[in-house]
Amino acid sequence: MAPELNGHHVLDPESARLLAGAASGWNRVLTDPVSGDVLAVDRYRPSAALRRYLSARDGRCRFPGCCIGAAWLDVDHTEDAMHGGATTVGNLAGLCRRHHLLKHHSQWTVQQVGGGTLEWRSPTGKAYSDRPPVPATWTALLREQDDGPLSLGQLGAPGHRACHAPDPPPF
């Protein structure tokens, strides 16, 4: 297989050696052998494919009781990248800005225990488990009573009344 530049232009071996030798750094990209999807990259920022996967898996803020939608989430390293945390599915989760800051600036801690499940521990030591929500498998036209049509993008928006979970968040 001939070397390619950005997956589009075939390079002759001499040009490939010159470019490789002049590179200031390398990113290791791990891909699924069947689909070719990017699973992990040895760098801080997740790829677009990894962000799409996390948005689909998480769907909402992964702090227990919070249901702010995926469109408003930060992608957070569960184990901080500066402490060796990898930019992988098993170390990333979507958090709203409030809970992202809470994780970094309070006594709350979190770890991933497999399958996308997060185990949160409060400052008092109580544990809360948060599993990824069941993904939507169908869509429907939504309408609120007197407010007119409701777009799917509004669901999970901060302050939207449909976003309130039946149980209060564990604060």
N, C-alpha and C. Protein backbone atom coordinates (compact mmCIF):
# COMPACT_ATOMS: atom_id res chain seq x y z
N MET A 1 0.85 -1.17 0.00
CA MET A 1 0.00 0.00 0.00
C MET A 1 0.89 1.24 0.00
N ALA A 2 0.61 2.17 -0.88
CA ALA A 2 1.42 3.39 -1.00
C ALA A 2 1.06 4.37 0.11
N PRO A 3 2.05 5.12 0.62
CA PRO A 3 1.76 6.14 1.64
C PRO A 3 0.83 7.21 1.07
N GLU A 4 -0.05 7.75 1.92
CA GLU A 4 -0.98 8.78 1.49
C GLU A 4 -0.84 10.01 2.38
N LEU A 5 -1.14 11.16 1.83
CA LEU A 5 -1.15 12.41 2.57
C LEU A 5 -2.59 12.73 2.90
N ASN A 6 -2.94 12.71 4.17
CA ASN A 6 -4.30 12.98 4.63
C ASN A 6 -5.33 12.08 3.98
N GLY A 7 -4.93 10.87 3.60
CA GLY A 7 -5.86 9.90 3.04
C GLY A 7 -6.32 10.21 1.63
N HIS A 8 -5.73 11.19 0.96
CA HIS A 8 -6.21 11.59 -0.36
C HIS A 8 -5.15 11.48 -1.46
N HIS A 9 -3.95 11.89 -1.18
CA HIS A 9 -2.93 12.00 -2.22
C HIS A 9 -1.87 10.92 -2.00
N VAL A 10 -1.64 10.13 -3.01
CA VAL A 10 -0.62 9.10 -2.93
C VAL A 10 0.75 9.77 -3.03
N LEU A 11 1.64 9.37 -2.13
CA LEU A 11 3.00 9.93 -2.11
C LEU A 11 4.00 8.89 -2.58
N ASP A 12 5.01 9.37 -3.25
CA ASP A 12 6.10 8.46 -3.58
C ASP A 12 6.92 8.25 -2.31
N PRO A 13 7.64 7.13 -2.19
CA PRO A 13 8.38 6.82 -0.96
C PRO A 13 9.37 7.91 -0.54
N GLU A 14 10.04 8.54 -1.47
CA GLU A 14 11.02 9.58 -1.13
C GLU A 14 10.34 10.78 -0.47
N SER A 15 9.21 11.24 -1.03
CA SER A 15 8.48 12.37 -0.43
C SER A 15 7.95 11.99 0.95
N ALA A 16 7.46 10.76 1.09
CA ALA A 16 6.96 10.30 2.39
C ALA A 16 8.07 10.33 3.43
N ARG A 17 9.29 9.88 3.08
CA ARG A 17 10.42 9.90 4.01
C ARG A 17 10.79 11.33 4.40
N LEU A 18 10.80 12.24 3.45
CA LEU A 18 11.13 13.64 3.74
C LEU A 18 10.11 14.27 4.69
N LEU A 19 8.84 14.05 4.41
CA LEU A 19 7.79 14.60 5.28
C LEU A 19 7.85 13.98 6.68
N ALA A 20 8.03 12.66 6.75
CA ALA A 20 8.08 11.98 8.04
C ALA A 20 9.28 12.44 8.85
N GLY A 21 10.40 12.62 8.20
CA GLY A 21 11.60 13.05 8.91
C GLY A 21 11.51 14.47 9.42
N ALA A 22 10.72 15.31 8.77
CA ALA A 22 10.60 16.71 9.18
C ALA A 22 9.47 16.94 10.18
N ALA A 23 8.69 15.92 10.48
CA ALA A 23 7.54 16.08 11.39
C ALA A 23 8.02 16.39 12.80
N SER A 24 7.37 17.34 13.45
CA SER A 24 7.73 17.71 14.83
C SER A 24 7.15 16.75 15.85
N GLY A 25 6.17 15.98 15.47
CA GLY A 25 5.56 15.02 16.39
C GLY A 25 4.63 14.09 15.64
N TRP A 26 4.20 13.06 16.35
CA TRP A 26 3.35 12.04 15.76
C TRP A 26 2.14 11.81 16.64
N ASN A 27 1.01 11.53 16.04
CA ASN A 27 -0.19 11.11 16.76
C ASN A 27 -0.45 9.65 16.41
N ARG A 28 -0.54 8.81 17.43
CA ARG A 28 -0.90 7.42 17.18
C ARG A 28 -2.42 7.34 17.12
N VAL A 29 -2.95 6.78 16.05
CA VAL A 29 -4.39 6.67 15.85
C VAL A 29 -4.75 5.19 15.87
N LEU A 30 -5.62 4.81 16.83
CA LEU A 30 -6.07 3.42 16.94
C LEU A 30 -7.46 3.33 16.32
N THR A 31 -7.63 2.41 15.37
CA THR A 31 -8.90 2.30 14.66
C THR A 31 -9.53 0.92 14.86
N ASP A 32 -10.84 0.88 14.72
CA ASP A 32 -11.57 -0.38 14.76
C ASP A 32 -11.20 -1.17 13.50
N PRO A 33 -10.76 -2.43 13.64
CA PRO A 33 -10.32 -3.18 12.47
C PRO A 33 -11.44 -3.49 11.48
N VAL A 34 -12.70 -3.46 11.91
CA VAL A 34 -13.80 -3.79 11.02
C VAL A 34 -14.35 -2.52 10.36
N SER A 35 -14.74 -1.53 11.17
CA SER A 35 -15.38 -0.33 10.63
C SER A 35 -14.40 0.75 10.21
N GLY A 36 -13.19 0.72 10.78
CA GLY A 36 -12.22 1.78 10.50
C GLY A 36 -12.44 3.02 11.34
N ASP A 37 -13.47 3.04 12.23
CA ASP A 37 -13.73 4.19 13.08
C ASP A 37 -12.58 4.41 14.04
N VAL A 38 -12.30 5.68 14.34
CA VAL A 38 -11.24 6.01 15.28
C VAL A 38 -11.72 5.70 16.69
N LEU A 39 -10.96 4.89 17.41
CA LEU A 39 -11.29 4.53 18.79
C LEU A 39 -10.52 5.37 19.79
N ALA A 40 -9.29 5.72 19.45
CA ALA A 40 -8.45 6.50 20.37
C ALA A 40 -7.34 7.18 19.59
N VAL A 41 -6.91 8.31 20.11
CA VAL A 41 -5.79 9.05 19.57
C VAL A 41 -4.94 9.49 20.74
N ASP A 42 -3.64 9.30 20.61
CA ASP A 42 -2.75 9.72 21.69
C ASP A 42 -2.53 11.23 21.62
N ARG A 43 -3.54 11.96 21.98
CA ARG A 43 -3.46 13.41 22.06
C ARG A 43 -4.58 13.89 22.98
N TYR A 44 -4.57 15.16 23.32
CA TYR A 44 -5.53 15.68 24.29
C TYR A 44 -6.94 15.81 23.73
N ARG A 45 -7.08 16.41 22.58
CA ARG A 45 -8.41 16.67 22.03
C ARG A 45 -8.96 15.45 21.28
N PRO A 46 -10.20 15.04 21.59
CA PRO A 46 -10.79 13.90 20.87
C PRO A 46 -11.12 14.28 19.43
N SER A 47 -11.09 13.30 18.56
CA SER A 47 -11.43 13.52 17.15
C SER A 47 -12.92 13.79 17.02
N ALA A 48 -13.33 14.24 15.84
CA ALA A 48 -14.75 14.48 15.58
C ALA A 48 -15.54 13.18 15.71
N ALA A 49 -14.98 12.08 15.22
CA ALA A 49 -15.68 10.78 15.31
C ALA A 49 -15.85 10.37 16.76
N LEU A 50 -14.86 10.58 17.59
CA LEU A 50 -14.94 10.24 19.01
C LEU A 50 -15.96 11.13 19.72
N ARG A 51 -16.00 12.42 19.38
CA ARG A 51 -17.00 13.33 19.97
C ARG A 51 -18.42 12.91 19.57
N ARG A 52 -18.60 12.48 18.29
CA ARG A 52 -19.93 12.01 17.86
C ARG A 52 -20.34 10.76 18.63
N TYR A 53 -19.40 9.85 18.81
CA TYR A 53 -19.70 8.62 19.56
C TYR A 53 -20.12 8.97 21.00
N LEU A 54 -19.36 9.84 21.65
CA LEU A 54 -19.67 10.21 23.04
C LEU A 54 -21.01 10.93 23.14
N SER A 55 -21.31 11.77 22.17
CA SER A 55 -22.60 12.46 22.16
C SER A 55 -23.74 11.46 22.06
N ALA A 56 -23.57 10.44 21.21
CA ALA A 56 -24.61 9.41 21.06
C ALA A 56 -24.69 8.54 22.31
N ARG A 57 -23.54 8.17 22.88
CA ARG A 57 -23.54 7.30 24.05
C ARG A 57 -24.11 8.02 25.27
N ASP A 58 -23.64 9.22 25.51
CA ASP A 58 -24.01 9.92 26.74
C ASP A 58 -25.37 10.60 26.63
N GLY A 59 -25.62 11.33 25.57
CA GLY A 59 -26.92 11.94 25.34
C GLY A 59 -27.27 13.08 26.28
N ARG A 60 -26.70 13.10 27.44
CA ARG A 60 -26.99 14.11 28.46
C ARG A 60 -25.78 14.19 29.39
N CYS A 61 -25.78 15.20 30.26
CA CYS A 61 -24.71 15.31 31.26
C CYS A 61 -24.69 14.04 32.10
N ARG A 62 -23.50 13.52 32.36
CA ARG A 62 -23.37 12.25 33.04
C ARG A 62 -23.27 12.38 34.55
N PHE A 63 -23.59 13.55 35.10
CA PHE A 63 -23.70 13.68 36.54
C PHE A 63 -25.09 13.17 36.93
N PRO A 64 -25.20 12.33 37.96
CA PRO A 64 -26.50 11.76 38.32
C PRO A 64 -27.57 12.83 38.55
N GLY A 65 -28.69 12.65 37.89
CA GLY A 65 -29.83 13.55 38.05
C GLY A 65 -29.82 14.73 37.10
N CYS A 66 -28.72 14.99 36.39
CA CYS A 66 -28.65 16.11 35.46
C CYS A 66 -29.03 15.60 34.08
N CYS A 67 -29.86 16.35 33.37
CA CYS A 67 -30.26 15.89 32.04
C CYS A 67 -30.06 16.97 30.99
N ILE A 68 -29.06 17.81 31.17
CA ILE A 68 -28.72 18.78 30.14
C ILE A 68 -28.23 18.01 28.92
N GLY A 69 -28.77 18.35 27.76
CA GLY A 69 -28.54 17.58 26.54
C GLY A 69 -27.13 17.65 25.99
N ALA A 70 -26.83 16.70 25.11
CA ALA A 70 -25.50 16.50 24.55
C ALA A 70 -24.96 17.74 23.84
N ALA A 71 -25.83 18.54 23.24
CA ALA A 71 -25.36 19.72 22.50
C ALA A 71 -24.69 20.75 23.41
N TRP A 72 -24.92 20.69 24.71
CA TRP A 72 -24.37 21.68 25.64
C TRP A 72 -23.28 21.10 26.53
N LEU A 73 -22.70 19.98 26.18
CA LEU A 73 -21.75 19.31 27.07
C LEU A 73 -20.30 19.57 26.70
N ASP A 74 -19.44 19.54 27.71
CA ASP A 74 -17.99 19.51 27.51
C ASP A 74 -17.58 18.05 27.50
N VAL A 75 -16.62 17.70 26.65
CA VAL A 75 -16.04 16.35 26.70
C VAL A 75 -14.94 16.41 27.74
N ASP A 76 -15.07 15.60 28.78
CA ASP A 76 -14.15 15.64 29.91
C ASP A 76 -13.38 14.33 30.05
N HIS A 77 -12.08 14.45 30.33
CA HIS A 77 -11.26 13.28 30.66
C HIS A 77 -11.58 12.90 32.11
N THR A 78 -12.07 11.69 32.34
CA THR A 78 -12.38 11.24 33.70
C THR A 78 -11.10 11.25 34.54
N GLU A 79 -10.05 10.61 34.04
CA GLU A 79 -8.72 10.76 34.64
C GLU A 79 -8.04 11.85 33.82
N ASP A 80 -7.68 12.95 34.47
CA ASP A 80 -7.14 14.10 33.76
C ASP A 80 -5.99 13.73 32.84
N ALA A 81 -5.99 14.33 31.66
CA ALA A 81 -4.92 14.10 30.69
C ALA A 81 -3.56 14.48 31.27
N MET A 82 -3.52 15.53 32.08
CA MET A 82 -2.24 15.96 32.66
C MET A 82 -1.69 14.95 33.68
N HIS A 83 -2.53 14.01 34.10
CA HIS A 83 -2.10 12.95 35.02
C HIS A 83 -2.01 11.60 34.31
N GLY A 84 -1.95 11.63 32.98
CA GLY A 84 -1.79 10.41 32.21
C GLY A 84 -3.07 9.82 31.65
N GLY A 85 -4.20 10.48 31.84
CA GLY A 85 -5.46 9.97 31.32
C GLY A 85 -5.48 10.01 29.80
N ALA A 86 -5.90 8.92 29.20
CA ALA A 86 -5.91 8.79 27.74
C ALA A 86 -7.15 9.42 27.14
N THR A 87 -7.04 9.82 25.89
CA THR A 87 -8.18 10.35 25.13
C THR A 87 -8.84 9.17 24.45
N THR A 88 -9.60 8.38 25.23
CA THR A 88 -10.26 7.18 24.75
C THR A 88 -11.71 7.16 25.25
N VAL A 89 -12.52 6.32 24.62
CA VAL A 89 -13.92 6.15 25.02
C VAL A 89 -14.02 5.80 26.50
N GLY A 90 -13.11 4.97 26.99
CA GLY A 90 -13.14 4.53 28.38
C GLY A 90 -12.67 5.55 29.38
N ASN A 91 -12.25 6.75 28.92
CA ASN A 91 -11.80 7.79 29.84
C ASN A 91 -12.45 9.13 29.54
N LEU A 92 -13.46 9.16 28.70
CA LEU A 92 -14.14 10.42 28.35
C LEU A 92 -15.62 10.31 28.67
N ALA A 93 -16.20 11.44 29.04
CA ALA A 93 -17.64 11.50 29.28
C ALA A 93 -18.10 12.94 29.07
N GLY A 94 -19.36 13.10 28.72
CA GLY A 94 -19.95 14.41 28.54
C GLY A 94 -20.46 14.95 29.86
N LEU A 95 -20.01 16.17 30.22
CA LEU A 95 -20.47 16.84 31.43
C LEU A 95 -20.90 18.26 31.07
N CYS A 96 -22.00 18.73 31.67
CA CYS A 96 -22.36 20.13 31.50
C CYS A 96 -21.28 20.97 32.18
N ARG A 97 -21.23 22.22 31.86
CA ARG A 97 -20.17 23.08 32.40
C ARG A 97 -20.20 23.10 33.94
N ARG A 98 -21.39 23.15 34.51
CA ARG A 98 -21.51 23.18 35.97
C ARG A 98 -20.87 21.94 36.61
N HIS A 99 -21.18 20.77 36.09
CA HIS A 99 -20.66 19.54 36.70
C HIS A 99 -19.21 19.27 36.29
N HIS A 100 -18.78 19.81 35.16
CA HIS A 100 -17.38 19.73 34.78
C HIS A 100 -16.54 20.52 35.80
N LEU A 101 -17.00 21.72 36.11
CA LEU A 101 -16.30 22.54 37.11
C LEU A 101 -16.38 21.91 38.51
N LEU A 102 -17.53 21.34 38.84
CA LEU A 102 -17.70 20.67 40.13
C LEU A 102 -16.67 19.55 40.29
N LYS A 103 -16.49 18.78 39.23
CA LYS A 103 -15.53 17.66 39.26
C LYS A 103 -14.12 18.16 39.53
N HIS A 104 -13.75 19.27 38.92
CA HIS A 104 -12.37 19.76 39.03
C HIS A 104 -12.12 20.63 40.26
N HIS A 105 -13.15 21.25 40.81
CA HIS A 105 -12.95 22.23 41.88
C HIS A 105 -13.72 21.93 43.16
N SER A 106 -14.00 20.66 43.40
CA SER A 106 -14.68 20.29 44.65
C SER A 106 -14.17 18.92 45.08
N GLN A 107 -14.77 18.39 46.12
CA GLN A 107 -14.37 17.09 46.64
C GLN A 107 -15.10 15.93 45.96
N TRP A 108 -15.96 16.21 44.96
CA TRP A 108 -16.60 15.15 44.20
C TRP A 108 -15.54 14.45 43.37
N THR A 109 -15.62 13.13 43.27
CA THR A 109 -14.70 12.36 42.41
C THR A 109 -15.53 11.46 41.51
N VAL A 110 -14.91 11.02 40.42
CA VAL A 110 -15.60 10.14 39.47
C VAL A 110 -14.58 9.18 38.87
N GLN A 111 -15.05 7.98 38.59
CA GLN A 111 -14.25 7.02 37.85
C GLN A 111 -15.16 6.25 36.91
N GLN A 112 -14.58 5.75 35.82
CA GLN A 112 -15.35 4.93 34.89
C GLN A 112 -15.14 3.48 35.28
N VAL A 113 -16.25 2.73 35.33
CA VAL A 113 -16.18 1.34 35.78
C VAL A 113 -16.50 0.34 34.66
N GLY A 114 -16.56 0.82 33.42
CA GLY A 114 -16.81 -0.06 32.29
C GLY A 114 -18.17 0.15 31.66
N GLY A 115 -18.24 -0.05 30.36
CA GLY A 115 -19.49 0.08 29.64
C GLY A 115 -20.07 1.49 29.65
N GLY A 116 -19.24 2.49 29.87
CA GLY A 116 -19.71 3.87 29.92
C GLY A 116 -20.31 4.27 31.25
N THR A 117 -20.32 3.37 32.22
CA THR A 117 -20.89 3.68 33.55
C THR A 117 -19.90 4.50 34.36
N LEU A 118 -20.39 5.57 34.96
CA LEU A 118 -19.59 6.43 35.83
C LEU A 118 -19.98 6.19 37.28
N GLU A 119 -18.99 6.13 38.12
CA GLU A 119 -19.22 5.99 39.57
C GLU A 119 -18.76 7.29 40.22
N TRP A 120 -19.72 8.08 40.71
CA TRP A 120 -19.44 9.35 41.38
C TRP A 120 -19.39 9.13 42.88
N ARG A 121 -18.53 9.86 43.56
CA ARG A 121 -18.45 9.80 45.01
C ARG A 121 -18.55 11.23 45.54
N SER A 122 -19.51 11.44 46.45
CA SER A 122 -19.75 12.77 47.01
C SER A 122 -18.69 13.09 48.08
N PRO A 123 -18.61 14.34 48.50
CA PRO A 123 -17.66 14.70 49.57
C PRO A 123 -17.92 13.93 50.87
N THR A 124 -19.14 13.44 51.08
CA THR A 124 -19.44 12.67 52.30
C THR A 124 -19.13 11.19 52.13
N GLY A 125 -18.70 10.79 50.93
CA GLY A 125 -18.33 9.40 50.68
C GLY A 125 -19.42 8.55 50.06
N LYS A 126 -20.60 9.11 49.86
CA LYS A 126 -21.69 8.33 49.26
C LYS A 126 -21.44 8.14 47.76
N ALA A 127 -21.70 6.92 47.25
CA ALA A 127 -21.46 6.60 45.85
C ALA A 127 -22.76 6.69 45.05
N TYR A 128 -22.65 7.21 43.84
CA TYR A 128 -23.77 7.32 42.91
C TYR A 128 -23.31 6.76 41.57
N SER A 129 -24.07 5.84 41.02
CA SER A 129 -23.73 5.23 39.74
C SER A 129 -24.58 5.88 38.64
N ASP A 130 -23.95 6.19 37.51
CA ASP A 130 -24.66 6.77 36.38
C ASP A 130 -24.34 5.97 35.13
N ARG A 131 -25.36 5.27 34.61
CA ARG A 131 -25.20 4.49 33.38
C ARG A 131 -25.60 5.35 32.19
N PRO A 132 -25.02 5.08 31.01
CA PRO A 132 -25.45 5.84 29.84
C PRO A 132 -26.93 5.61 29.60
N PRO A 133 -27.66 6.66 29.19
CA PRO A 133 -29.08 6.49 28.91
C PRO A 133 -29.28 5.57 27.71
N VAL A 134 -30.44 4.94 27.66
CA VAL A 134 -30.79 4.09 26.52
C VAL A 134 -30.92 5.02 25.31
N PRO A 135 -30.23 4.70 24.21
CA PRO A 135 -30.31 5.60 23.05
C PRO A 135 -31.70 5.61 22.43
N ALA A 136 -32.07 6.75 21.86
CA ALA A 136 -33.35 6.86 21.17
C ALA A 136 -33.32 5.98 19.93
N THR A 137 -34.36 5.23 19.73
CA THR A 137 -34.44 4.38 18.54
C THR A 137 -35.55 4.84 17.60
N TRP A 138 -36.26 5.90 17.96
CA TRP A 138 -37.29 6.45 17.11
C TRP A 138 -37.47 7.92 17.48
N THR A 139 -38.10 8.67 16.60
CA THR A 139 -38.40 10.07 16.87
C THR A 139 -39.87 10.31 16.60
N ALA A 140 -40.40 11.35 17.18
CA ALA A 140 -41.79 11.72 16.98
C ALA A 140 -41.91 13.23 16.98
N LEU A 141 -42.96 13.74 16.38
CA LEU A 141 -43.23 15.16 16.44
C LEU A 141 -43.68 15.47 17.86
N LEU A 142 -42.99 16.40 18.50
CA LEU A 142 -43.30 16.75 19.88
C LEU A 142 -44.01 18.09 19.92
N ARG A 143 -44.96 18.22 20.82
CA ARG A 143 -45.68 19.48 20.97
C ARG A 143 -45.99 19.66 22.44
N GLU A 144 -45.69 20.86 22.94
CA GLU A 144 -46.07 21.20 24.30
C GLU A 144 -47.47 21.78 24.26
N GLN A 145 -48.16 21.81 25.38
CA GLN A 145 -49.56 22.19 25.40
C GLN A 145 -49.84 23.56 24.79
N ASP A 146 -49.34 24.62 25.35
CA ASP A 146 -49.68 25.96 24.86
C ASP A 146 -48.48 26.68 24.25
N ASP A 147 -47.37 26.01 24.15
CA ASP A 147 -46.16 26.70 23.70
C ASP A 147 -45.85 26.48 22.23
N GLY A 148 -46.67 25.75 21.49
CA GLY A 148 -46.40 25.49 20.09
C GLY A 148 -45.41 24.36 19.92
N PRO A 149 -44.88 24.22 18.70
CA PRO A 149 -43.98 23.10 18.42
C PRO A 149 -42.71 23.17 19.27
N LEU A 150 -42.18 22.02 19.55
CA LEU A 150 -40.94 21.91 20.32
C LEU A 150 -39.94 21.18 19.45
N SER A 151 -38.84 21.82 19.13
CA SER A 151 -37.84 21.15 18.31
C SER A 151 -37.04 20.19 19.17
N LEU A 152 -36.51 19.13 18.53
CA LEU A 152 -35.71 18.16 19.26
C LEU A 152 -34.47 18.81 19.85
N GLY A 153 -33.95 19.86 19.22
CA GLY A 153 -32.77 20.55 19.75
C GLY A 153 -33.03 21.25 21.07
N GLN A 154 -34.30 21.56 21.37
CA GLN A 154 -34.62 22.21 22.63
C GLN A 154 -34.64 21.24 23.81
N LEU A 155 -34.86 19.95 23.54
CA LEU A 155 -34.90 18.99 24.63
C LEU A 155 -33.55 18.94 25.31
N GLY A 156 -33.54 19.00 26.59
CA GLY A 156 -32.29 18.95 27.34
C GLY A 156 -31.59 20.28 27.42
N ALA A 157 -32.19 21.32 26.87
CA ALA A 157 -31.56 22.64 26.97
C ALA A 157 -31.61 23.09 28.42
N PRO A 158 -30.59 23.81 28.87
CA PRO A 158 -30.61 24.29 30.26
C PRO A 158 -31.90 25.07 30.53
N GLY A 159 -32.59 24.72 31.57
CA GLY A 159 -33.80 25.41 31.98
C GLY A 159 -35.07 24.89 31.32
N HIS A 160 -34.98 23.95 30.37
CA HIS A 160 -36.18 23.43 29.73
C HIS A 160 -36.95 22.58 30.73
N ARG A 161 -38.27 22.77 30.82
CA ARG A 161 -39.04 22.09 31.85
C ARG A 161 -39.11 20.58 31.68
N ALA A 162 -38.90 20.05 30.47
CA ALA A 162 -38.92 18.60 30.28
C ALA A 162 -37.62 17.96 30.76
N CYS A 163 -36.66 18.79 31.14
CA CYS A 163 -35.34 18.30 31.51
C CYS A 163 -35.28 17.87 32.98
N HIS A 164 -36.27 18.14 33.75
CA HIS A 164 -36.19 17.87 35.18
C HIS A 164 -36.43 16.40 35.47
N ALA A 165 -35.45 15.77 36.09
CA ALA A 165 -35.55 14.36 36.43
C ALA A 165 -36.53 14.17 37.59
N PRO A 166 -37.15 12.99 37.71
CA PRO A 166 -38.09 12.77 38.79
C PRO A 166 -37.43 12.79 40.17
N ASP A 167 -36.18 12.41 40.24
CA ASP A 167 -35.47 12.44 41.51
C ASP A 167 -34.51 13.63 41.51
N PRO A 168 -34.33 14.30 42.64
CA PRO A 168 -33.41 15.44 42.67
C PRO A 168 -31.96 14.98 42.52
N PRO A 169 -31.10 15.83 41.94
CA PRO A 169 -29.69 15.47 41.84
C PRO A 169 -29.08 15.32 43.21
N PRO A 170 -28.05 14.51 43.33
CA PRO A 170 -27.42 14.31 44.64
C PRO A 170 -26.41 15.39 44.98
N PHE A 171 -26.88 16.48 45.57
CA PHE A 171 -25.98 17.57 45.96
C PHE A 171 -25.72 17.53 47.43
